[in-house]
Amino acid sequence: MSIDILAYNREAWNRRVAQGDEWTIPVSPEAIAKARQGDWSIVLTPLKPVPADWFPPFGGKKVLGLAAGGGQQGPTLSAAGGDVTVFDNSPSQLAQDDLVAKREGLTLRTVQGDMADLSVFENETFDLIVHPCSNCFVPDIKPVWREAYRVLKKGGVMLSGFCNPITWILDPELEAKGVLQIKYRTPYSDLELTEEERKRYTDAGEPLGFGHTLEDQIGGQIAAGFSITGFYEDAWAPEKHPLSAKMSCYAATRALKL
């Protein structure tokens, strides 16, 4: 299949904003008020908050929300004292961050672009990178890790969420019926589906996805130069995602640039 993935997924996420997808709903005024008082948390994966001790002190420090549009993590970290830039492929997702910033009087910058190409930023620009579970929308994540390492300052921290590759290899029609049966290989790519299979997603206007190996997810960070200093797993509620009744399907890492 010949397709411009960046452009296709940009429009798909713009549609998700219009549809009110849960990852596009801006944080509430009440949450921003609490963040200003030091009472806040964010997620990188479906449900589990990032441990408070994973964050470096970042009052006034430069924070990059990498592929993190939607008006959630960025405004929260801004209200908590960070100098935040939100970088995302979708203009509509970035508009959610701008909406919260204007509504709450926050100083927050939004930049549109490809998470695998951060050339708009100089080397060693940021103290903290927050990268929620979004690299499943690019076919190759190794450039994402390399670019993140480049723009992070020495001693800086990157917090990332990602999918366990098993979430991509089950038969989706059977999974919807509660039957967990392997059908596809890993690494997974929507581009390798048959045209009929792919219509399941394209006809619904959904983004095209990619299930990356743990070697690329974790080993890719290490190969880029990071030291992994924290790890946890997470899952959806079982009634929403049958596989979650059996195992944790998502993970998060804390990575340090030495």
Protein backbone atom coordinates (compact mmCIF):
# COMPACT_ATOMS: atom_id res chain seq x y z
CA MET A 1 0.00 0.00 0.00
CA SER A 2 1.42 3.39 -1.01
CA ILE A 3 0.28 6.05 1.40
CA ASP A 4 1.62 9.15 3.13
CA ILE A 5 1.36 7.86 6.72
CA LEU A 6 2.10 11.24 8.29
CA ALA A 7 -0.65 12.99 6.30
CA TYR A 8 -3.15 10.16 6.66
CA ASN A 9 -2.76 9.90 10.44
CA ARG A 10 -2.84 13.69 10.78
CA GLU A 11 -6.31 13.77 9.27
CA ALA A 12 -7.38 10.72 11.23
CA TRP A 13 -6.49 12.41 14.51
CA ASN A 14 -8.18 15.61 13.40
CA ARG A 15 -11.33 13.50 12.97
CA ARG A 16 -10.86 11.96 16.40
CA VAL A 17 -10.89 15.42 17.92
CA ALA A 18 -14.18 16.16 16.19
CA GLN A 19 -15.55 12.85 17.46
CA GLY A 20 -14.53 13.52 21.06
CA ASP A 21 -12.07 10.66 21.46
CA GLU A 22 -10.96 10.36 25.11
CA TRP A 23 -7.35 11.29 24.23
CA THR A 24 -8.54 14.57 22.71
CA ILE A 25 -10.62 15.90 25.63
CA PRO A 26 -8.87 18.85 27.33
CA VAL A 27 -8.10 18.79 31.01
CA SER A 28 -10.65 20.50 33.26
CA PRO A 29 -10.30 23.92 34.93
CA GLU A 30 -10.43 22.12 38.28
CA ALA A 31 -7.44 19.97 37.37
CA ILE A 32 -5.46 23.03 36.29
CA ALA A 33 -6.30 24.81 39.55
CA LYS A 34 -5.04 21.79 41.51
CA ALA A 35 -1.88 21.60 39.39
CA ARG A 36 -1.10 25.21 40.25
CA GLN A 37 -1.22 24.16 43.91
CA GLY A 38 1.10 21.21 43.32
CA ASP A 39 -1.63 18.54 43.23
CA TRP A 40 -1.42 16.86 39.83
CA SER A 41 -0.67 13.71 37.87
CA ILE A 42 -0.53 12.62 34.22
CA VAL A 43 -0.77 9.33 32.37
CA LEU A 44 1.44 7.93 29.61
CA THR A 45 -0.60 4.72 29.34
CA PRO A 46 -4.35 4.06 29.69
CA LEU A 47 -4.95 4.31 33.45
CA LYS A 48 -1.93 4.29 35.77
CA PRO A 49 -0.53 7.72 36.77
CA VAL A 50 3.18 8.29 36.29
CA PRO A 51 4.94 7.91 39.67
CA ALA A 52 5.64 11.30 41.21
CA ASP A 53 9.30 10.40 41.83
CA TRP A 54 9.85 9.89 38.10
CA PHE A 55 9.69 13.64 37.54
CA PRO A 56 12.72 15.86 38.05
CA PRO A 57 12.09 19.25 39.65
CA PHE A 58 10.91 21.23 36.64
CA GLY A 59 9.74 24.59 37.92
CA GLY A 60 10.80 26.88 35.08
CA LYS A 61 12.52 24.00 33.27
CA LYS A 62 11.88 23.30 29.58
CA VAL A 63 9.44 20.46 28.92
CA LEU A 64 8.60 18.83 25.57
CA GLY A 65 5.30 17.01 25.12
CA LEU A 66 6.37 14.69 22.29
CA ALA A 67 3.40 13.58 20.15
CA ALA A 68 1.36 14.70 23.14
CA GLY A 69 -1.38 16.95 21.79
CA GLY A 70 -4.92 16.84 23.14
CA GLY A 71 -4.90 19.41 25.93
CA GLN A 72 -3.99 16.97 28.70
CA GLN A 73 -0.34 16.44 29.71
CA GLY A 74 1.00 19.74 28.34
CA PRO A 75 -1.36 22.15 30.14
CA THR A 76 -1.08 20.15 33.37
CA LEU A 77 2.71 20.39 33.35
CA SER A 78 2.54 24.06 32.42
CA ALA A 79 0.23 24.79 35.36
CA ALA A 80 2.62 22.86 37.60
CA GLY A 81 5.46 25.20 36.65
CA GLY A 82 7.04 23.83 33.48
CA ASP A 83 8.03 25.86 30.41
CA VAL A 84 6.10 23.58 28.05
CA THR A 85 6.20 23.00 24.30
CA VAL A 86 3.66 20.54 22.88
CA PHE A 87 4.70 18.89 19.61
CA ASP A 88 2.17 16.88 17.60
CA ASN A 89 1.24 15.84 14.06
CA SER A 90 -2.41 16.93 14.37
CA PRO A 91 -3.37 20.63 14.25
CA SER A 92 -6.69 19.81 15.90
CA GLN A 93 -4.94 18.07 18.79
CA LEU A 94 -2.65 21.06 19.24
CA ALA A 95 -5.70 23.34 19.17
CA GLN A 96 -6.89 21.57 22.32
CA ASP A 97 -3.70 22.60 24.10
CA ASP A 98 -4.07 26.15 22.82
CA LEU A 99 -7.67 26.15 24.04
CA VAL A 100 -6.66 25.24 27.59
CA ALA A 101 -3.75 27.69 27.57
CA LYS A 102 -6.05 30.55 26.54
CA ARG A 103 -8.80 29.48 28.94
CA GLU A 104 -6.44 29.20 31.91
CA GLY A 105 -3.92 31.94 31.12
CA LEU A 106 -1.06 29.47 30.66
CA THR A 107 2.15 30.14 28.76
CA LEU A 108 2.41 27.18 26.44
CA ARG A 109 3.84 26.74 22.93
CA THR A 110 2.46 24.36 20.29
CA VAL A 111 4.42 23.11 17.27
CA GLN A 112 3.14 20.85 14.49
CA GLY A 113 5.42 18.17 13.08
CA ASP A 114 6.60 14.58 12.78
CA MET A 115 7.76 12.97 16.03
CA ALA A 116 10.64 11.36 14.13
CA ASP A 117 11.94 14.76 12.95
CA LEU A 118 12.60 17.33 15.67
CA SER A 119 14.90 19.45 13.51
CA VAL A 120 12.94 22.55 14.48
CA PHE A 121 14.64 22.25 17.91
CA GLU A 122 18.34 22.78 18.70
CA ASN A 123 20.47 20.16 20.41
CA GLU A 124 20.00 19.90 24.18
CA THR A 125 16.95 22.18 24.37
CA PHE A 126 14.74 20.37 26.91
CA ASP A 127 15.08 19.19 30.51
CA LEU A 128 12.14 16.77 30.35
CA ILE A 129 10.38 14.93 27.51
CA VAL A 130 6.92 13.44 28.06
CA HIS A 131 5.99 10.97 25.33
CA PRO A 132 2.61 9.29 25.88
CA CYS A 133 1.53 6.09 24.14
CA SER A 134 1.65 7.48 20.58
CA ASN A 135 4.61 6.00 18.74
CA CYS A 136 2.30 3.23 17.49
CA PHE A 137 1.32 5.70 14.75
CA VAL A 138 4.74 5.80 13.06
CA PRO A 139 6.30 2.89 11.15
CA ASP A 140 9.83 3.28 12.58
CA ILE A 141 10.47 4.43 16.14
CA LYS A 142 14.26 4.34 16.19
CA PRO A 143 14.48 7.90 14.76
CA VAL A 144 12.04 9.03 17.46
CA TRP A 145 14.42 7.87 20.20
CA ARG A 146 17.47 9.35 18.48
CA GLU A 147 15.82 12.73 18.03
CA ALA A 148 14.53 12.75 21.60
CA TYR A 149 18.04 12.04 22.86
CA ARG A 150 19.47 14.84 20.72
CA VAL A 151 17.09 17.55 21.95
CA LEU A 152 17.28 16.50 25.60
CA LYS A 153 19.87 18.12 27.84
CA LYS A 154 22.49 16.02 29.62
CA GLY A 155 20.96 14.85 32.87
CA GLY A 156 17.50 15.24 31.35
CA VAL A 157 14.71 12.69 31.61
CA MET A 158 12.36 11.16 29.04
CA LEU A 159 9.11 9.53 30.18
CA SER A 160 7.51 7.28 27.55
CA GLY A 161 4.47 5.04 27.25
CA PHE A 162 4.04 2.33 24.61
CA CYS A 163 2.04 -0.74 23.59
CA ASN A 164 3.13 -4.29 24.25
CA PRO A 165 3.44 -5.81 20.75
CA ILE A 166 1.04 -8.62 21.67
CA THR A 167 -1.83 -6.13 21.48
CA TRP A 168 -1.38 -5.97 17.71
CA ILE A 169 -1.15 -9.64 16.74
CA LEU A 170 -4.54 -10.97 17.84
CA ASP A 171 -7.48 -11.53 15.50
CA PRO A 172 -9.55 -8.35 16.18
CA GLU A 173 -12.90 -9.87 15.21
CA LEU A 174 -12.43 -12.81 17.55
CA GLU A 175 -11.03 -10.57 20.28
CA ALA A 176 -14.25 -8.53 20.19
CA LYS A 177 -16.02 -11.79 21.07
CA GLY A 178 -13.62 -12.49 23.91
CA VAL A 179 -11.55 -15.05 21.98
CA LEU A 180 -7.81 -14.35 22.12
CA GLN A 181 -6.23 -15.95 19.07
CA ILE A 182 -2.97 -14.98 17.42
CA LYS A 183 -3.30 -14.03 13.75
CA TYR A 184 -0.56 -11.56 12.80
CA ARG A 185 3.20 -11.38 13.25
CA THR A 186 5.34 -8.94 15.17
CA PRO A 187 6.46 -6.33 14.32
CA TYR A 188 2.96 -5.49 13.13
CA SER A 189 1.93 -3.03 10.42
CA ASP A 190 -1.52 -2.06 9.17
CA LEU A 191 0.17 -1.64 5.79
CA GLU A 192 0.72 -5.40 5.59
CA LEU A 193 -2.97 -6.25 5.94
CA THR A 194 -5.05 -7.28 2.98
CA GLU A 195 -7.09 -4.48 1.43
CA GLU A 196 -10.26 -5.96 2.92
CA GLU A 197 -8.72 -6.20 6.40
CA ARG A 198 -7.37 -2.67 6.23
CA LYS A 199 -10.82 -1.29 5.35
CA ARG A 200 -11.81 -2.20 8.90
CA TYR A 201 -9.81 0.85 9.93
CA THR A 202 -9.73 3.12 6.89
CA ASP A 203 -13.52 2.96 6.33
CA ALA A 204 -13.95 4.04 9.94
CA GLY A 205 -11.42 6.87 9.49
CA GLU A 206 -9.11 5.45 12.16
CA PRO A 207 -5.36 6.10 12.24
CA LEU A 208 -3.09 3.43 10.78
CA GLY A 209 -1.06 1.67 13.45
CA PHE A 210 2.21 -0.17 13.95
CA GLY A 211 3.06 -2.68 16.67
CA HIS A 212 6.75 -2.29 17.46
CA THR A 213 8.92 -4.92 19.11
CA LEU A 214 10.12 -4.55 22.66
CA GLU A 215 13.63 -4.60 21.21
CA ASP A 216 12.84 -1.38 19.34
CA GLN A 217 10.83 0.14 22.18
CA ILE A 218 13.27 -0.49 25.03
CA GLY A 219 16.42 -1.50 23.20
CA GLY A 220 15.91 1.43 20.84
CA GLN A 221 16.09 3.87 23.74
CA ILE A 222 19.26 2.24 25.03
CA ALA A 223 20.81 2.25 21.55
CA ALA A 224 20.06 5.97 21.28
CA GLY A 225 22.13 6.53 24.44
CA PHE A 226 19.53 6.49 27.21
CA SER A 227 19.84 4.68 30.52
CA ILE A 228 16.52 3.11 31.59
CA THR A 229 15.92 3.96 35.24
CA GLY A 230 12.24 3.09 35.69
CA PHE A 231 9.59 0.73 34.28
CA TYR A 232 5.96 -0.18 34.94
CA GLU A 233 3.08 -1.92 33.16
CA ASP A 234 -0.56 -0.92 32.73
CA ALA A 235 -3.80 -2.17 31.17
CA TRP A 236 -7.27 -1.07 30.15
CA ALA A 237 -10.28 -2.17 32.18
CA PRO A 238 -11.02 -5.79 31.09
CA GLU A 239 -14.54 -4.95 29.91
CA LYS A 240 -13.06 -2.49 27.42
CA HIS A 241 -10.15 -4.64 26.23
CA PRO A 242 -10.48 -8.44 26.73
CA LEU A 243 -6.73 -9.07 26.65
CA SER A 244 -6.36 -6.81 29.71
CA ALA A 245 -8.14 -9.46 31.77
CA LYS A 246 -5.14 -11.72 31.12
CA MET A 247 -2.13 -9.41 31.10
CA SER A 248 -0.87 -5.85 31.15
CA CYS A 249 -0.83 -4.61 27.57
CA TYR A 250 1.03 -1.31 27.97
CA ALA A 251 4.27 -0.18 29.56
CA ALA A 252 6.13 2.98 30.49
CA THR A 253 9.80 3.76 30.90
CA ARG A 254 11.84 6.43 32.59
CA ALA A 255 15.01 7.12 30.60
CA LEU A 256 17.96 9.29 31.60
CA LYS A 257 20.42 11.05 29.30
CA LEU A 258 23.75 10.72 31.10
